[in-house]
Each structure stands twice: as C-alpha cells, then as structure tokens.
Amino acid sequence: YERLLDVPDTEFLPMVTGERPVPADIDCAVLQKILAFRHSLTF
C-alpha cells in the first residue's frame, strides 16, 4: 500500500484507467480493489 503513495498522479491515473499496465512492484491488494471499483463503474 505505501508504495502506491510514492507513485505520481501522472503515472497512477493511466494505470487506473487501463491505459498503462500496472508494474509488478506496486501491484497490491489495495490497488486491485481500486481497479475492481473502477471497472464496476458505468459511464
């Protein structure tokens, strides 16, 4: 989780939107929950 706090917003947002793959070194349960929530939204 703490590794996510060090990721700049300009790198984090593309990962959440699916424009960029999630690097293995920051992949964690918290990030997976964020991604699952993001994919549950409808626009």
N, C-alpha and C. Protein backbone atom coordinates (compact mmCIF):
# COMPACT_ATOMS: atom_id res chain seq x y z
N TYR A 1 0.81 -1.20 0.00
CA TYR A 1 0.00 0.00 0.00
C TYR A 1 0.86 1.26 0.00
N GLU A 2 1.87 1.31 0.83
CA GLU A 2 2.70 2.51 0.93
C GLU A 2 3.41 2.83 -0.38
N ARG A 3 3.70 1.82 -1.17
CA ARG A 3 4.35 2.07 -2.47
C ARG A 3 3.44 2.88 -3.38
N LEU A 4 2.14 2.72 -3.24
CA LEU A 4 1.21 3.49 -4.07
C LEU A 4 1.29 4.98 -3.78
N LEU A 5 1.60 5.33 -2.54
CA LEU A 5 1.68 6.74 -2.16
C LEU A 5 2.84 7.45 -2.85
N ASP A 6 3.84 6.69 -3.27
CA ASP A 6 5.00 7.27 -3.94
C ASP A 6 4.82 7.41 -5.44
N VAL A 7 3.76 6.83 -5.98
CA VAL A 7 3.53 6.89 -7.43
C VAL A 7 2.92 8.25 -7.77
N PRO A 8 3.55 8.99 -8.69
CA PRO A 8 2.99 10.29 -9.09
C PRO A 8 1.61 10.11 -9.74
N ASP A 9 0.76 11.10 -9.54
CA ASP A 9 -0.59 11.06 -10.11
C ASP A 9 -0.56 10.84 -11.62
N THR A 10 0.43 11.42 -12.28
CA THR A 10 0.51 11.31 -13.75
C THR A 10 0.82 9.88 -14.19
N GLU A 11 1.34 9.06 -13.30
CA GLU A 11 1.58 7.65 -13.60
C GLU A 11 0.44 6.77 -13.09
N PHE A 12 -0.17 7.20 -11.98
CA PHE A 12 -1.22 6.40 -11.34
C PHE A 12 -2.50 6.38 -12.17
N LEU A 13 -2.93 7.54 -12.62
CA LEU A 13 -4.19 7.63 -13.36
C LEU A 13 -4.21 6.74 -14.60
N PRO A 14 -3.16 6.74 -15.43
CA PRO A 14 -3.20 5.83 -16.59
C PRO A 14 -3.29 4.35 -16.21
N MET A 15 -2.77 3.99 -15.06
CA MET A 15 -2.90 2.60 -14.61
C MET A 15 -4.34 2.29 -14.22
N VAL A 16 -4.98 3.23 -13.55
CA VAL A 16 -6.37 3.03 -13.11
C VAL A 16 -7.31 3.00 -14.30
N THR A 17 -7.04 3.81 -15.31
CA THR A 17 -7.91 3.85 -16.48
C THR A 17 -7.61 2.74 -17.48
N GLY A 18 -6.54 2.00 -17.26
CA GLY A 18 -6.20 0.90 -18.16
C GLY A 18 -5.34 1.29 -19.33
N GLU A 19 -4.89 2.54 -19.38
CA GLU A 19 -4.03 2.99 -20.47
C GLU A 19 -2.60 2.49 -20.33
N ARG A 20 -2.26 2.09 -19.12
CA ARG A 20 -0.89 1.66 -18.84
C ARG A 20 -0.96 0.43 -17.93
N PRO A 21 -0.11 -0.56 -18.16
CA PRO A 21 -0.13 -1.74 -17.28
C PRO A 21 0.39 -1.39 -15.88
N VAL A 22 -0.05 -2.16 -14.92
CA VAL A 22 0.40 -1.97 -13.53
C VAL A 22 1.73 -2.70 -13.35
N PRO A 23 2.78 -1.99 -12.96
CA PRO A 23 4.06 -2.65 -12.71
C PRO A 23 3.94 -3.62 -11.52
N ALA A 24 4.61 -4.74 -11.63
CA ALA A 24 4.53 -5.77 -10.59
C ALA A 24 5.00 -5.27 -9.23
N ASP A 25 5.93 -4.33 -9.22
CA ASP A 25 6.48 -3.88 -7.93
C ASP A 25 5.52 -3.01 -7.13
N ILE A 26 4.45 -2.50 -7.75
CA ILE A 26 3.47 -1.72 -6.98
C ILE A 26 2.10 -2.40 -6.93
N ASP A 27 1.98 -3.54 -7.58
CA ASP A 27 0.70 -4.26 -7.55
C ASP A 27 0.47 -4.81 -6.15
N CYS A 28 -0.69 -4.52 -5.59
CA CYS A 28 -1.01 -4.97 -4.23
C CYS A 28 -2.52 -5.10 -4.10
N ALA A 29 -2.97 -5.62 -2.97
CA ALA A 29 -4.40 -5.84 -2.75
C ALA A 29 -5.19 -4.53 -2.81
N VAL A 30 -4.63 -3.46 -2.27
CA VAL A 30 -5.33 -2.17 -2.29
C VAL A 30 -5.51 -1.69 -3.72
N LEU A 31 -4.48 -1.79 -4.52
CA LEU A 31 -4.59 -1.37 -5.92
C LEU A 31 -5.60 -2.23 -6.66
N GLN A 32 -5.62 -3.51 -6.40
CA GLN A 32 -6.58 -4.39 -7.05
C GLN A 32 -8.01 -4.02 -6.67
N LYS A 33 -8.23 -3.58 -5.44
CA LYS A 33 -9.57 -3.12 -5.03
C LYS A 33 -9.94 -1.83 -5.75
N ILE A 34 -8.98 -0.94 -5.92
CA ILE A 34 -9.22 0.30 -6.65
C ILE A 34 -9.59 -0.02 -8.10
N LEU A 35 -8.84 -0.92 -8.71
CA LEU A 35 -9.12 -1.29 -10.11
C LEU A 35 -10.47 -1.98 -10.24
N ALA A 36 -10.81 -2.84 -9.29
CA ALA A 36 -12.11 -3.52 -9.33
C ALA A 36 -13.24 -2.51 -9.20
N PHE A 37 -13.08 -1.53 -8.32
CA PHE A 37 -14.09 -0.49 -8.17
C PHE A 37 -14.22 0.31 -9.46
N ARG A 38 -13.11 0.66 -10.03
CA ARG A 38 -13.12 1.44 -11.29
C ARG A 38 -13.87 0.69 -12.38
N HIS A 39 -13.63 -0.61 -12.48
CA HIS A 39 -14.27 -1.40 -13.53
C HIS A 39 -15.75 -1.66 -13.24
N SER A 40 -16.18 -1.43 -12.02
CA SER A 40 -17.59 -1.61 -11.69
C SER A 40 -18.43 -0.39 -12.05
N LEU A 41 -17.78 0.73 -12.35
CA LEU A 41 -18.49 1.96 -12.70
C LEU A 41 -18.96 1.94 -14.14
N THR A 42 -20.09 2.54 -14.39
CA THR A 42 -20.57 2.70 -15.76
C THR A 42 -20.65 4.19 -16.06
N PHE A 43 -20.22 4.53 -17.23
CA PHE A 43 -20.23 5.94 -17.65
C PHE A 43 -21.18 6.15 -18.79
